[in-house]
Each structure stands twice: as C-alpha cells, then as structure tokens.
N, C-alpha and C. Protein backbone atom coordinates (compact mmCIF):
# COMPACT_ATOMS: atom_id res chain seq x y z
N MET A 1 -188.46 46.81 94.34
CA MET A 1 -189.74 47.19 94.90
C MET A 1 -189.51 47.92 96.21
N ARG A 2 -190.14 49.03 96.38
CA ARG A 2 -189.99 49.83 97.57
C ARG A 2 -191.03 49.43 98.61
N LEU A 3 -190.60 49.16 99.83
CA LEU A 3 -191.52 48.77 100.89
C LEU A 3 -192.14 50.00 101.52
N PRO A 4 -193.41 49.90 101.91
CA PRO A 4 -194.05 51.04 102.56
C PRO A 4 -193.41 51.34 103.91
N THR A 5 -193.45 52.59 104.29
CA THR A 5 -192.90 53.00 105.58
C THR A 5 -193.94 52.82 106.67
N ASN A 6 -193.49 52.92 107.92
CA ASN A 6 -194.43 52.86 109.04
C ASN A 6 -195.47 53.96 108.94
N ARG A 7 -195.05 55.11 108.41
CA ARG A 7 -195.98 56.22 108.25
C ARG A 7 -197.11 55.84 107.29
N SER A 8 -196.80 55.08 106.26
CA SER A 8 -197.82 54.63 105.32
C SER A 8 -198.84 53.74 106.01
N TYR A 9 -198.34 52.84 106.86
CA TYR A 9 -199.25 51.96 107.60
C TYR A 9 -200.14 52.77 108.53
N THR A 10 -199.57 53.75 109.21
CA THR A 10 -200.33 54.58 110.12
C THR A 10 -201.43 55.32 109.37
N LEU A 11 -201.09 55.86 108.22
CA LEU A 11 -202.07 56.57 107.41
C LEU A 11 -203.17 55.62 106.94
N ALA A 12 -202.81 54.41 106.57
CA ALA A 12 -203.80 53.44 106.11
C ALA A 12 -204.76 53.07 107.23
N TRP A 13 -204.26 52.89 108.45
CA TRP A 13 -205.13 52.59 109.59
C TRP A 13 -206.06 53.76 109.87
N PHE A 14 -205.54 54.98 109.74
CA PHE A 14 -206.36 56.17 109.94
C PHE A 14 -207.46 56.23 108.89
N LYS A 15 -207.12 55.97 107.63
CA LYS A 15 -208.10 55.98 106.56
C LYS A 15 -209.18 54.91 106.79
N LEU A 16 -208.74 53.75 107.25
CA LEU A 16 -209.68 52.68 107.55
C LEU A 16 -210.69 53.13 108.60
N ALA A 17 -210.20 53.73 109.67
CA ALA A 17 -211.08 54.23 110.73
C ALA A 17 -212.04 55.29 110.18
N ASN A 18 -211.54 56.15 109.32
CA ASN A 18 -212.38 57.19 108.71
C ASN A 18 -213.51 56.58 107.90
N PHE A 19 -213.19 55.57 107.09
CA PHE A 19 -214.21 54.94 106.27
C PHE A 19 -215.26 54.26 107.13
N VAL A 20 -214.84 53.64 108.22
CA VAL A 20 -215.80 53.00 109.13
C VAL A 20 -216.70 54.06 109.74
N ASN A 21 -216.12 55.15 110.22
CA ASN A 21 -216.91 56.22 110.83
C ASN A 21 -217.91 56.82 109.86
N ARG A 22 -217.55 56.87 108.58
CA ARG A 22 -218.45 57.44 107.58
C ARG A 22 -219.41 56.41 107.00
N GLY A 23 -219.26 55.14 107.42
CA GLY A 23 -220.16 54.09 106.94
C GLY A 23 -219.87 53.61 105.54
N GLU A 24 -218.63 53.77 105.09
CA GLU A 24 -218.24 53.35 103.74
C GLU A 24 -217.62 51.95 103.80
N LYS A 25 -218.49 50.97 103.80
CA LYS A 25 -218.07 49.58 103.99
C LYS A 25 -217.10 49.09 102.91
N GLU A 26 -217.43 49.27 101.66
CA GLU A 26 -216.59 48.74 100.58
C GLU A 26 -215.20 49.37 100.59
N ARG A 27 -215.13 50.66 100.82
CA ARG A 27 -213.82 51.33 100.87
C ARG A 27 -213.02 50.82 102.07
N ALA A 28 -213.70 50.62 103.19
CA ALA A 28 -213.02 50.12 104.39
C ALA A 28 -212.48 48.71 104.14
N LEU A 29 -213.26 47.87 103.49
CA LEU A 29 -212.82 46.51 103.19
C LEU A 29 -211.62 46.50 102.24
N ASN A 30 -211.62 47.42 101.28
CA ASN A 30 -210.49 47.50 100.35
C ASN A 30 -209.20 47.90 101.06
N VAL A 31 -209.28 48.87 101.96
CA VAL A 31 -208.10 49.28 102.72
C VAL A 31 -207.64 48.15 103.62
N LEU A 32 -208.59 47.46 104.24
CA LEU A 32 -208.24 46.34 105.11
C LEU A 32 -207.50 45.25 104.33
N LYS A 33 -207.94 44.96 103.13
CA LYS A 33 -207.27 43.95 102.30
C LYS A 33 -205.81 44.32 102.05
N LEU A 34 -205.56 45.59 101.82
CA LEU A 34 -204.18 46.04 101.63
C LEU A 34 -203.37 45.90 102.92
N LEU A 35 -203.98 46.26 104.03
CA LEU A 35 -203.27 46.18 105.32
C LEU A 35 -203.00 44.74 105.74
N MET A 36 -203.84 43.82 105.33
CA MET A 36 -203.68 42.42 105.73
C MET A 36 -202.33 41.85 105.31
N HIS A 37 -201.77 42.38 104.24
CA HIS A 37 -200.48 41.88 103.75
C HIS A 37 -199.34 42.25 104.70
N SER A 38 -199.56 43.22 105.56
CA SER A 38 -198.50 43.66 106.47
C SER A 38 -198.54 42.94 107.81
N ILE A 39 -199.53 42.07 108.02
CA ILE A 39 -199.69 41.37 109.29
C ILE A 39 -199.13 39.97 109.16
N GLN A 40 -198.24 39.62 110.09
CA GLN A 40 -197.55 38.33 110.02
C GLN A 40 -198.41 37.16 110.50
N ASP A 41 -199.18 37.34 111.55
CA ASP A 41 -200.00 36.27 112.12
C ASP A 41 -201.17 35.98 111.18
N GLU A 42 -201.30 34.73 110.77
CA GLU A 42 -202.30 34.35 109.77
C GLU A 42 -203.74 34.55 110.26
N ALA A 43 -203.97 34.44 111.55
CA ALA A 43 -205.33 34.53 112.09
C ALA A 43 -205.80 35.97 112.28
N VAL A 44 -204.88 36.87 112.56
CA VAL A 44 -205.25 38.26 112.89
C VAL A 44 -206.02 38.95 111.78
N PRO A 45 -205.64 38.80 110.51
CA PRO A 45 -206.45 39.46 109.47
C PRO A 45 -207.91 39.02 109.47
N TYR A 46 -208.17 37.75 109.75
CA TYR A 46 -209.55 37.28 109.81
C TYR A 46 -210.28 37.90 111.00
N GLN A 47 -209.58 38.02 112.11
CA GLN A 47 -210.18 38.65 113.28
C GLN A 47 -210.49 40.13 112.99
N LEU A 48 -209.57 40.82 112.35
CA LEU A 48 -209.79 42.23 112.01
C LEU A 48 -210.94 42.38 111.02
N GLU A 49 -211.00 41.47 110.06
CA GLU A 49 -212.11 41.53 109.11
C GLU A 49 -213.44 41.29 109.82
N GLY A 50 -213.43 40.37 110.78
CA GLY A 50 -214.63 40.15 111.58
C GLY A 50 -215.04 41.39 112.34
N ASP A 51 -214.05 42.07 112.93
CA ASP A 51 -214.34 43.31 113.65
C ASP A 51 -214.93 44.37 112.72
N LEU A 52 -214.36 44.46 111.53
CA LEU A 52 -214.83 45.44 110.56
C LEU A 52 -216.25 45.11 110.11
N LEU A 53 -216.49 43.86 109.79
CA LEU A 53 -217.83 43.46 109.36
C LEU A 53 -218.85 43.65 110.47
N LEU A 54 -218.44 43.39 111.70
CA LEU A 54 -219.33 43.60 112.83
C LEU A 54 -219.70 45.08 112.97
N ALA A 55 -218.75 45.97 112.69
CA ALA A 55 -219.02 47.41 112.76
C ALA A 55 -220.10 47.81 111.75
N PHE A 56 -220.24 47.02 110.68
CA PHE A 56 -221.26 47.30 109.68
C PHE A 56 -222.47 46.36 109.82
N ASP A 57 -222.59 45.69 110.97
CA ASP A 57 -223.70 44.78 111.24
C ASP A 57 -223.86 43.70 110.17
N ASP A 58 -222.73 43.19 109.70
CA ASP A 58 -222.73 42.15 108.67
C ASP A 58 -222.61 40.79 109.35
N ASN A 59 -223.53 39.88 109.06
CA ASN A 59 -223.52 38.56 109.67
C ASN A 59 -222.30 37.73 109.31
N ALA A 60 -221.59 38.09 108.26
CA ALA A 60 -220.38 37.36 107.86
C ALA A 60 -219.27 37.52 108.90
N ALA A 61 -219.43 38.44 109.81
CA ALA A 61 -218.42 38.65 110.87
C ALA A 61 -218.21 37.36 111.67
N LEU A 62 -219.27 36.66 111.96
CA LEU A 62 -219.15 35.42 112.74
C LEU A 62 -218.30 34.38 112.02
N ASP A 63 -218.45 34.29 110.71
CA ASP A 63 -217.64 33.35 109.93
C ASP A 63 -216.16 33.68 110.03
N ARG A 64 -215.83 34.98 109.94
CA ARG A 64 -214.43 35.39 110.03
C ARG A 64 -213.86 35.11 111.42
N TYR A 65 -214.67 35.32 112.46
CA TYR A 65 -214.22 35.02 113.82
C TYR A 65 -213.96 33.52 113.98
N HIS A 66 -214.80 32.69 113.39
CA HIS A 66 -214.60 31.24 113.47
C HIS A 66 -213.30 30.83 112.77
N VAL A 67 -213.04 31.40 111.61
CA VAL A 67 -211.80 31.10 110.88
C VAL A 67 -210.59 31.51 111.72
N ALA A 68 -210.65 32.71 112.30
CA ALA A 68 -209.54 33.20 113.12
C ALA A 68 -209.32 32.29 114.33
N ALA A 69 -210.38 31.90 114.99
CA ALA A 69 -210.25 31.03 116.16
C ALA A 69 -209.65 29.68 115.77
N ASN A 70 -210.09 29.13 114.65
CA ASN A 70 -209.55 27.84 114.19
C ASN A 70 -208.07 27.96 113.82
N LEU A 71 -207.68 29.06 113.19
CA LEU A 71 -206.27 29.25 112.85
C LEU A 71 -205.42 29.40 114.11
N HIS A 72 -205.93 30.10 115.11
CA HIS A 72 -205.21 30.20 116.39
C HIS A 72 -205.06 28.81 117.01
N LYS A 73 -206.11 28.02 116.94
CA LYS A 73 -206.08 26.67 117.51
C LYS A 73 -205.04 25.80 116.79
N ILE A 74 -205.02 25.88 115.46
CA ILE A 74 -204.08 25.08 114.66
C ILE A 74 -202.64 25.45 114.97
N THR A 75 -202.38 26.73 115.20
CA THR A 75 -201.02 27.18 115.46
C THR A 75 -200.63 27.06 116.92
N GLY A 76 -201.49 26.45 117.72
CA GLY A 76 -201.17 26.22 119.13
C GLY A 76 -201.42 27.40 120.05
N LYS A 77 -202.10 28.39 119.56
CA LYS A 77 -202.42 29.56 120.38
C LYS A 77 -203.82 29.39 120.96
N THR A 78 -203.93 28.37 121.81
CA THR A 78 -205.25 28.03 122.34
C THR A 78 -205.85 29.13 123.21
N THR A 79 -205.01 29.89 123.88
CA THR A 79 -205.53 30.99 124.69
C THR A 79 -206.22 32.01 123.81
N LYS A 80 -205.59 32.35 122.69
CA LYS A 80 -206.21 33.30 121.76
C LYS A 80 -207.46 32.71 121.13
N ALA A 81 -207.42 31.43 120.81
CA ALA A 81 -208.56 30.78 120.17
C ALA A 81 -209.77 30.75 121.09
N THR A 82 -209.54 30.59 122.37
CA THR A 82 -210.66 30.50 123.30
C THR A 82 -211.07 31.83 123.89
N SER A 83 -210.30 32.88 123.62
CA SER A 83 -210.62 34.17 124.22
C SER A 83 -211.46 35.06 123.33
N PHE A 84 -211.89 34.55 122.20
CA PHE A 84 -212.75 35.35 121.34
C PHE A 84 -214.07 35.58 122.03
N HIS A 85 -214.53 36.80 121.95
CA HIS A 85 -215.86 37.13 122.44
C HIS A 85 -216.76 37.18 121.21
N TYR A 86 -217.54 36.15 121.02
CA TYR A 86 -218.42 36.12 119.87
C TYR A 86 -219.59 37.04 120.13
N PRO A 87 -219.81 37.97 119.25
CA PRO A 87 -220.94 38.89 119.42
C PRO A 87 -222.25 38.16 119.15
N THR A 88 -223.32 38.75 119.60
CA THR A 88 -224.63 38.17 119.29
C THR A 88 -224.88 38.38 117.81
N PRO A 89 -225.64 37.49 117.19
CA PRO A 89 -225.88 37.63 115.75
C PRO A 89 -226.46 38.99 115.41
N CYS A 90 -226.02 39.51 114.30
CA CYS A 90 -226.49 40.82 113.85
C CYS A 90 -227.93 40.70 113.37
N SER A 91 -228.69 41.73 113.59
CA SER A 91 -230.08 41.67 113.13
C SER A 91 -230.27 42.46 111.87
C-alpha cells in the first residue's frame, strides 16, 4: 500500500477549505473524514469536525467539541480540555 505524500495532505486541506467557502457541507465532511486518518491525536479530529460543523451553523458542533474536550481530559491534556471556546448555540 502506498502512503499519501505531504503534498496530498496539503491538497486535501485546500480542497476542504474550498468546499467550506462554497458552502458544500457534505463534500467538506467527506474530505474531513479522509483527513482524520492522518491525525495522530484522538481528540483533534473531533475538534476539527466541530469547527467544520460550526462553519455550517450546525448544532452538532457542540457535541463534537464536548467529545474532543473529554478525550483531552482522559489523556491528561487538561489544558487543552479547558481551553475550548464553546461557541454560542447556532440559531
């Protein structure tokens, strides 16, 4: 199996940003799911998903932030767990 290069990751992040800018939520979520496999920290993908959902005013963002904060807490990263800025609920 051939591993993706750094260039592939950079292109994927660029595509993700493009989809967000164009308001294509489902496509952005699909790219994010692929990128999540390249992130070592278990909590970071949930935080990124929360950020993405927040960009689309999706109330599920708060759930993802809670999961990320709890995972940071479990792994002893209390500073990261307590430094989340929870956004106001989406309307």
